[in-house]
Amino acid sequence: MNVLSHGLSWVDVRFQGRPQVIAAVLVHDRGDVAIIDPGPTTCLPALELGLQAHGIRWSDVGHILLTHIHLDHAGAAGTIVRDHPHIKVLVHERGARHMADPSRLLQSATRVYGDRMEYLWGEFAAVPPDKLVPLKGGERVQAGGRHLDVAYTPGHASHHVSFFDESSGVAFVGDTAGVCINDGYVLPPTPPPDIELELWSASVDRILAWSPATIMLTHFGPVTRVRPHFASLLENLKTTAGIALSLLNEKGTDDERGAAFAERLRHLLRSHMAESQVATYVVAAAYEHLFSGLARYWRKKGTAS
């Protein structure tokens, strides 16, 4: 089993059949279970097998905690609650309305993924409003038999929160700490529409203020060298943002710029990792989409056309 600490573990939900892409966290103590970021509905069978391996039944699960509502993190929440209506979903207030009515979220995602929506993510069912617990950040919530601190951590998404278990020293940071597989390159995931570099840096400081011994990444797994990891993340965010800005100042369409950005990113990753690792990163964070988020950021700042 993938154990973080007593009563804390994670399940590899094997997105698209690949290991080490999406991890769902289990917080379980004294018969009370919470799931942090259950993943998309396409991965529900693997999540259920993980619960069974821990001797956990759905009737034991009281809460789903979402760091944010992107499909790879939150997609299964509505389906789970429909089948097990005793479960409550904790999510930032900006994301709660989209969990209750995901129509706009799905329209936006369909523009990106097109006819691959069903294959990649499966159903994204609404969560009834009375099953949602909106968060602002700054709360201490009880879930999984323990108390977890909540921090508002935008930058990757305007509705992103992180959770901290003081008793174990583990912080659950969603995408705020980026993508890092097998100690590889720390890749900042920068999809549209909410990328804000300054807010992201402030969110890192907010997490570091907890002094966590371990940060748990959805993509993928625990990291114990916390400060060096975040230093690499911010340096690499500066690098990828700079690549995007340079491309925006060149002639071409955004499709052409996105393809060029993806090629430069592949070259960058290959200089740090083996090709087998690079292939997993592509599944965790499609490179062309990362350009789109950074392009939107620079245009909002008025530094690119």
Protein backbone atom coordinates (compact mmCIF):
# COMPACT_ATOMS: atom_id res chain seq x y z
CA MET A 1 0.00 0.00 0.00
CA ASN A 2 1.07 3.59 -0.62
CA VAL A 3 1.27 4.93 2.92
CA LEU A 4 2.02 8.54 3.86
CA SER A 5 1.47 8.22 7.60
CA HIS A 6 -0.86 6.42 9.96
CA GLY A 7 -4.32 6.76 8.46
CA LEU A 8 -3.02 8.54 5.34
CA SER A 9 -2.46 6.76 2.05
CA TRP A 10 -3.07 7.16 -1.66
CA VAL A 11 -4.41 5.18 -4.58
CA ASP A 12 -2.91 5.26 -8.07
CA VAL A 13 -6.10 5.47 -10.15
CA ARG A 14 -4.19 4.62 -13.37
CA PHE A 15 -5.48 7.32 -15.67
CA GLN A 16 -5.66 5.99 -19.25
CA GLY A 17 -4.23 2.76 -17.89
CA ARG A 18 -0.92 4.40 -16.99
CA PRO A 19 0.65 4.33 -13.54
CA GLN A 20 1.87 7.46 -11.75
CA VAL A 21 -0.38 10.03 -13.40
CA ILE A 22 -3.19 10.68 -10.87
CA ALA A 23 -3.17 9.89 -7.16
CA ALA A 24 -6.30 10.02 -5.00
CA VAL A 25 -5.65 10.45 -1.28
CA LEU A 26 -7.41 8.48 1.46
CA VAL A 27 -7.70 9.97 4.95
CA HIS A 28 -9.01 7.28 7.25
CA ASP A 29 -9.21 7.07 11.01
CA ARG A 30 -11.66 5.55 13.50
CA GLY A 31 -14.09 4.38 10.81
CA ASP A 32 -14.32 7.82 9.18
CA VAL A 33 -12.91 8.21 5.66
CA ALA A 34 -12.32 11.21 3.39
CA ILE A 35 -11.07 11.17 -0.19
CA ILE A 36 -9.00 14.08 -1.49
CA ASP A 37 -9.30 14.59 -5.27
CA PRO A 38 -10.93 11.31 -6.37
CA GLY A 39 -9.97 11.79 -10.03
CA PRO A 40 -12.17 11.47 -13.13
CA THR A 41 -15.07 9.05 -13.50
CA THR A 42 -13.06 6.96 -15.97
CA CYS A 43 -10.82 6.06 -13.03
CA LEU A 44 -13.60 5.10 -10.59
CA PRO A 45 -13.01 1.32 -10.97
CA ALA A 46 -9.37 1.75 -9.94
CA LEU A 47 -10.37 4.00 -7.03
CA GLU A 48 -12.89 1.42 -5.84
CA LEU A 49 -10.25 -1.31 -5.98
CA GLY A 50 -8.00 0.92 -3.89
CA LEU A 51 -10.72 1.41 -1.29
CA GLN A 52 -11.27 -2.34 -1.14
CA ALA A 53 -7.55 -2.95 -0.66
CA HIS A 54 -7.73 -0.73 2.43
CA GLY A 55 -10.84 -2.49 3.69
CA ILE A 56 -12.90 0.67 3.09
CA ARG A 57 -16.53 0.61 1.97
CA TRP A 58 -18.36 3.55 0.41
CA SER A 59 -20.54 3.66 3.52
CA ASP A 60 -17.37 4.54 5.48
CA VAL A 61 -16.64 7.59 3.29
CA GLY A 62 -18.10 10.78 4.73
CA HIS A 63 -16.37 13.49 2.73
CA ILE A 64 -14.74 14.26 -0.60
CA LEU A 65 -12.27 17.15 -0.43
CA LEU A 66 -11.44 18.90 -3.70
CA THR A 67 -8.32 21.01 -4.14
CA HIS A 68 -10.00 22.33 -7.31
CA ILE A 69 -12.61 21.33 -9.86
CA HIS A 70 -10.54 20.45 -12.93
CA LEU A 71 -11.75 17.20 -14.48
CA ASP A 72 -8.67 15.17 -13.56
CA HIS A 73 -9.19 16.01 -9.89
CA ALA A 74 -12.93 16.37 -9.35
CA GLY A 75 -14.65 14.62 -12.24
CA ALA A 76 -15.91 11.63 -10.26
CA ALA A 77 -17.31 13.59 -7.30
CA GLY A 78 -20.85 14.02 -8.60
CA THR A 79 -21.15 10.39 -9.70
CA ILE A 80 -19.94 9.23 -6.30
CA VAL A 81 -22.39 11.45 -4.42
CA ARG A 82 -25.29 10.36 -6.65
CA ASP A 83 -24.56 6.73 -5.78
CA HIS A 84 -23.71 7.45 -2.12
CA PRO A 85 -25.77 10.51 -1.12
CA HIS A 86 -24.53 10.60 2.48
CA ILE A 87 -21.17 12.00 1.25
CA LYS A 88 -20.44 15.75 1.47
CA VAL A 89 -18.12 17.57 -0.95
CA LEU A 90 -15.82 20.33 0.34
CA VAL A 91 -14.67 22.77 -2.35
CA HIS A 92 -13.76 26.44 -2.65
CA GLU A 93 -16.80 28.68 -2.99
CA ARG A 94 -15.75 29.74 -6.51
CA GLY A 95 -15.79 26.13 -7.60
CA ALA A 96 -18.92 25.10 -5.69
CA ARG A 97 -21.32 26.69 -8.17
CA HIS A 98 -19.69 24.78 -11.03
CA MET A 99 -19.98 21.51 -9.13
CA ALA A 100 -23.70 22.21 -8.65
CA ASP A 101 -24.12 23.16 -12.32
CA PRO A 102 -21.13 21.98 -14.40
CA SER A 103 -22.55 23.08 -17.76
CA ARG A 104 -20.14 26.01 -18.28
CA LEU A 105 -17.18 23.96 -17.06
CA LEU A 106 -18.02 21.17 -19.49
CA GLN A 107 -18.54 23.58 -22.39
CA SER A 108 -15.10 25.04 -21.75
CA ALA A 109 -13.50 21.60 -21.45
CA THR A 110 -15.20 20.40 -24.63
CA ARG A 111 -13.61 23.27 -26.55
CA VAL A 112 -10.25 21.91 -25.44
CA TYR A 113 -10.78 18.13 -25.63
CA GLY A 114 -13.50 17.86 -28.28
CA ASP A 115 -14.75 14.35 -28.98
CA ARG A 116 -12.22 12.88 -26.52
CA MET A 117 -14.18 14.15 -23.49
CA GLU A 118 -15.96 10.87 -22.79
CA TYR A 119 -12.86 8.76 -23.38
CA LEU A 120 -10.66 10.85 -21.11
CA TRP A 121 -12.97 11.87 -18.31
CA GLY A 122 -16.32 10.09 -18.52
CA GLU A 123 -19.32 11.56 -16.77
CA PHE A 124 -19.10 14.79 -14.81
CA ALA A 125 -22.31 14.73 -12.79
CA ALA A 126 -23.61 17.65 -10.78
CA VAL A 127 -23.38 17.61 -6.99
CA PRO A 128 -26.65 18.63 -5.30
CA PRO A 129 -26.20 22.01 -3.57
CA ASP A 130 -27.14 20.56 -0.18
CA LYS A 131 -24.19 18.15 -0.48
CA LEU A 132 -21.66 20.96 -1.05
CA VAL A 133 -19.63 22.63 1.70
CA PRO A 134 -18.15 25.87 0.29
CA LEU A 135 -14.72 26.93 1.56
CA LYS A 136 -12.98 30.31 1.58
CA GLY A 137 -9.61 29.31 3.02
CA GLY A 138 -8.57 29.75 6.63
CA GLU A 139 -10.97 27.12 7.97
CA ARG A 140 -10.17 24.04 10.00
CA VAL A 141 -12.41 21.19 8.85
CA GLN A 142 -13.04 17.77 10.31
CA ALA A 143 -12.83 14.89 7.84
CA GLY A 144 -11.37 11.41 7.83
CA GLY A 145 -11.23 11.34 11.61
CA ARG A 146 -8.89 14.31 11.93
CA HIS A 147 -8.75 18.08 11.62
CA LEU A 148 -7.37 19.62 8.43
CA ASP A 149 -6.39 23.24 7.90
CA VAL A 150 -7.51 24.89 4.66
CA ALA A 151 -5.58 27.53 2.72
CA TYR A 152 -6.70 29.42 -0.38
CA THR A 153 -3.95 28.73 -2.93
CA PRO A 154 -4.75 30.27 -6.34
CA GLY A 155 -2.32 30.63 -9.22
CA HIS A 156 -3.04 27.38 -11.04
CA ALA A 157 -6.78 27.93 -10.59
CA SER A 158 -8.74 30.78 -9.03
CA HIS A 159 -10.68 28.27 -6.89
CA HIS A 160 -7.72 26.20 -5.67
CA VAL A 161 -7.33 25.28 -2.01
CA SER A 162 -4.80 23.14 -0.17
CA PHE A 163 -5.24 21.08 2.98
CA PHE A 164 -2.81 20.43 5.85
CA ASP A 165 -2.79 17.70 8.47
CA GLU A 166 -0.74 19.11 11.31
CA SER A 167 -0.62 15.77 13.14
CA SER A 168 1.36 14.13 10.31
CA GLY A 169 2.93 17.21 8.73
CA VAL A 170 1.47 16.34 5.32
CA ALA A 171 0.05 19.04 3.04
CA PHE A 172 -2.27 18.06 0.19
CA VAL A 173 -1.52 20.62 -2.49
CA GLY A 174 -3.30 19.48 -5.67
CA ASP A 175 -1.56 21.20 -8.59
CA THR A 176 0.02 24.07 -6.64
CA ALA A 177 3.28 22.10 -6.42
CA GLY A 178 3.19 21.09 -10.07
CA VAL A 179 3.77 17.76 -11.78
CA CYS A 180 6.74 15.68 -10.63
CA ILE A 181 6.98 12.00 -11.54
CA ASN A 182 9.76 9.74 -10.22
CA ASP A 183 11.78 12.73 -8.95
CA GLY A 184 11.81 14.22 -12.43
CA TYR A 185 11.41 17.76 -13.68
CA VAL A 186 9.00 19.90 -11.65
CA LEU A 187 6.58 20.98 -14.36
CA PRO A 188 4.15 23.83 -13.66
CA PRO A 189 0.71 22.91 -15.07
CA THR A 190 -0.60 26.08 -16.71
CA PRO A 191 -3.92 25.40 -18.47
CA PRO A 192 -6.35 28.27 -19.09
CA PRO A 193 -8.10 30.29 -17.84
CA ASP A 194 -6.81 31.17 -14.35
CA ILE A 195 -3.01 31.20 -14.45
CA GLU A 196 -1.57 34.02 -12.30
CA LEU A 197 2.16 33.85 -11.63
CA GLU A 198 2.16 36.33 -8.74
CA LEU A 199 -0.71 34.59 -6.96
CA TRP A 200 0.98 31.23 -7.47
CA SER A 201 4.14 32.44 -5.75
CA ALA A 202 2.09 33.79 -2.82
CA SER A 203 0.30 30.43 -2.58
CA VAL A 204 3.65 28.65 -2.31
CA ASP A 205 4.52 30.95 0.60
CA ARG A 206 1.17 30.14 2.21
CA ILE A 207 1.89 26.42 2.05
CA LEU A 208 5.45 26.83 3.31
CA ALA A 209 4.10 28.77 6.30
CA TRP A 210 2.65 25.46 7.49
CA SER A 211 6.22 24.03 7.51
CA PRO A 212 5.04 20.73 6.03
CA ALA A 213 7.33 17.72 6.26
CA THR A 214 5.71 16.27 3.14
CA ILE A 215 3.67 17.66 0.27
CA MET A 216 1.35 15.31 -1.61
CA LEU A 217 1.05 15.96 -5.34
CA THR A 218 -1.87 14.67 -7.36
CA HIS A 219 0.64 14.22 -10.24
CA PHE A 220 2.37 12.33 -8.61
CA GLY A 221 2.94 11.32 -5.02
CA PRO A 222 4.69 12.52 -1.89
CA VAL A 223 7.66 14.90 -1.84
CA THR A 224 9.76 15.35 1.31
CA ARG A 225 12.33 17.86 -0.01
CA VAL A 226 9.68 20.51 0.22
CA ARG A 227 11.55 23.80 -0.08
CA PRO A 228 13.88 22.67 -2.92
CA HIS A 229 10.84 21.30 -4.75
CA PHE A 230 8.97 24.60 -4.55
CA ALA A 231 12.11 26.52 -5.53
CA SER A 232 12.35 24.37 -8.66
CA LEU A 233 8.65 24.87 -9.38
CA LEU A 234 8.89 28.66 -9.29
CA GLU A 235 12.09 28.71 -11.34
CA ASN A 236 10.53 26.42 -13.94
CA LEU A 237 7.35 28.50 -13.97
CA LYS A 238 9.49 31.52 -14.78
CA THR A 239 11.17 29.54 -17.57
CA THR A 240 7.98 28.24 -19.21
CA ALA A 241 6.30 31.63 -18.90
CA GLY A 242 9.30 33.17 -20.60
CA ILE A 243 9.12 30.68 -23.47
CA ALA A 244 5.42 31.48 -23.94
CA LEU A 245 6.08 35.24 -23.94
CA SER A 246 8.85 34.93 -26.51
CA LEU A 247 6.54 32.94 -28.79
CA LEU A 248 3.77 35.51 -28.41
CA ASN A 249 6.17 38.13 -29.70
CA GLU A 250 6.83 36.09 -32.84
CA LYS A 251 4.63 35.88 -35.92
CA GLY A 252 2.15 33.03 -36.22
CA THR A 253 -1.15 31.70 -34.95
CA ASP A 254 -1.74 30.47 -31.43
CA ASP A 255 -1.98 26.92 -32.77
CA GLU A 256 1.48 27.32 -34.29
CA ARG A 257 2.80 28.90 -31.10
CA GLY A 258 1.28 26.13 -29.00
CA ALA A 259 2.97 23.49 -31.15
CA ALA A 260 6.29 25.34 -30.90
CA PHE A 261 5.88 25.65 -27.12
CA ALA A 262 5.20 21.90 -26.85
CA GLU A 263 8.31 21.10 -28.86
CA ARG A 264 10.51 23.37 -26.73
CA LEU A 265 9.03 21.85 -23.57
CA ARG A 266 9.72 18.32 -24.82
CA HIS A 267 13.33 19.30 -25.50
CA LEU A 268 13.58 20.85 -22.02
CA LEU A 269 12.20 17.76 -20.30
CA ARG A 270 14.40 15.41 -22.32
CA SER A 271 17.43 17.32 -21.07
CA HIS A 272 16.40 16.42 -17.51
CA MET A 273 14.80 12.97 -17.76
CA ALA A 274 14.60 9.68 -19.60
CA GLU A 275 12.16 9.38 -22.50
CA SER A 276 9.95 6.98 -20.51
CA GLN A 277 9.40 9.69 -17.89
CA VAL A 278 8.68 12.34 -20.53
CA ALA A 279 5.92 10.14 -21.98
CA THR A 280 4.12 10.05 -18.63
CA TYR A 281 4.33 13.83 -18.27
CA VAL A 282 2.48 14.23 -21.57
CA VAL A 283 -0.46 12.28 -20.12
CA ALA A 284 -0.46 14.29 -16.89
CA ALA A 285 -0.24 17.71 -18.59
CA ALA A 286 -0.77 18.12 -22.34
CA TYR A 287 1.89 20.61 -23.40
CA GLU A 288 -0.14 22.62 -25.91
CA HIS A 289 -2.74 23.41 -23.23
CA LEU A 290 0.01 24.75 -20.98
CA PHE A 291 0.85 27.37 -23.58
CA SER A 292 -2.78 28.54 -23.73
CA GLY A 293 -2.89 29.34 -20.02
CA LEU A 294 0.35 31.30 -20.13
CA ALA A 295 -0.70 33.16 -23.28
CA ARG A 296 -3.90 34.26 -21.57
CA TYR A 297 -1.87 35.40 -18.53
CA TRP A 298 0.50 37.55 -20.61
CA ARG A 299 -2.31 39.07 -22.62
CA LYS A 300 -4.21 40.01 -19.47
CA LYS A 301 -1.08 41.81 -18.31
CA GLY A 302 -0.91 43.66 -21.62
CA THR A 303 2.58 42.41 -22.43
CA ALA A 304 1.60 40.37 -25.52
CA SER A 305 -0.69 40.77 -28.50
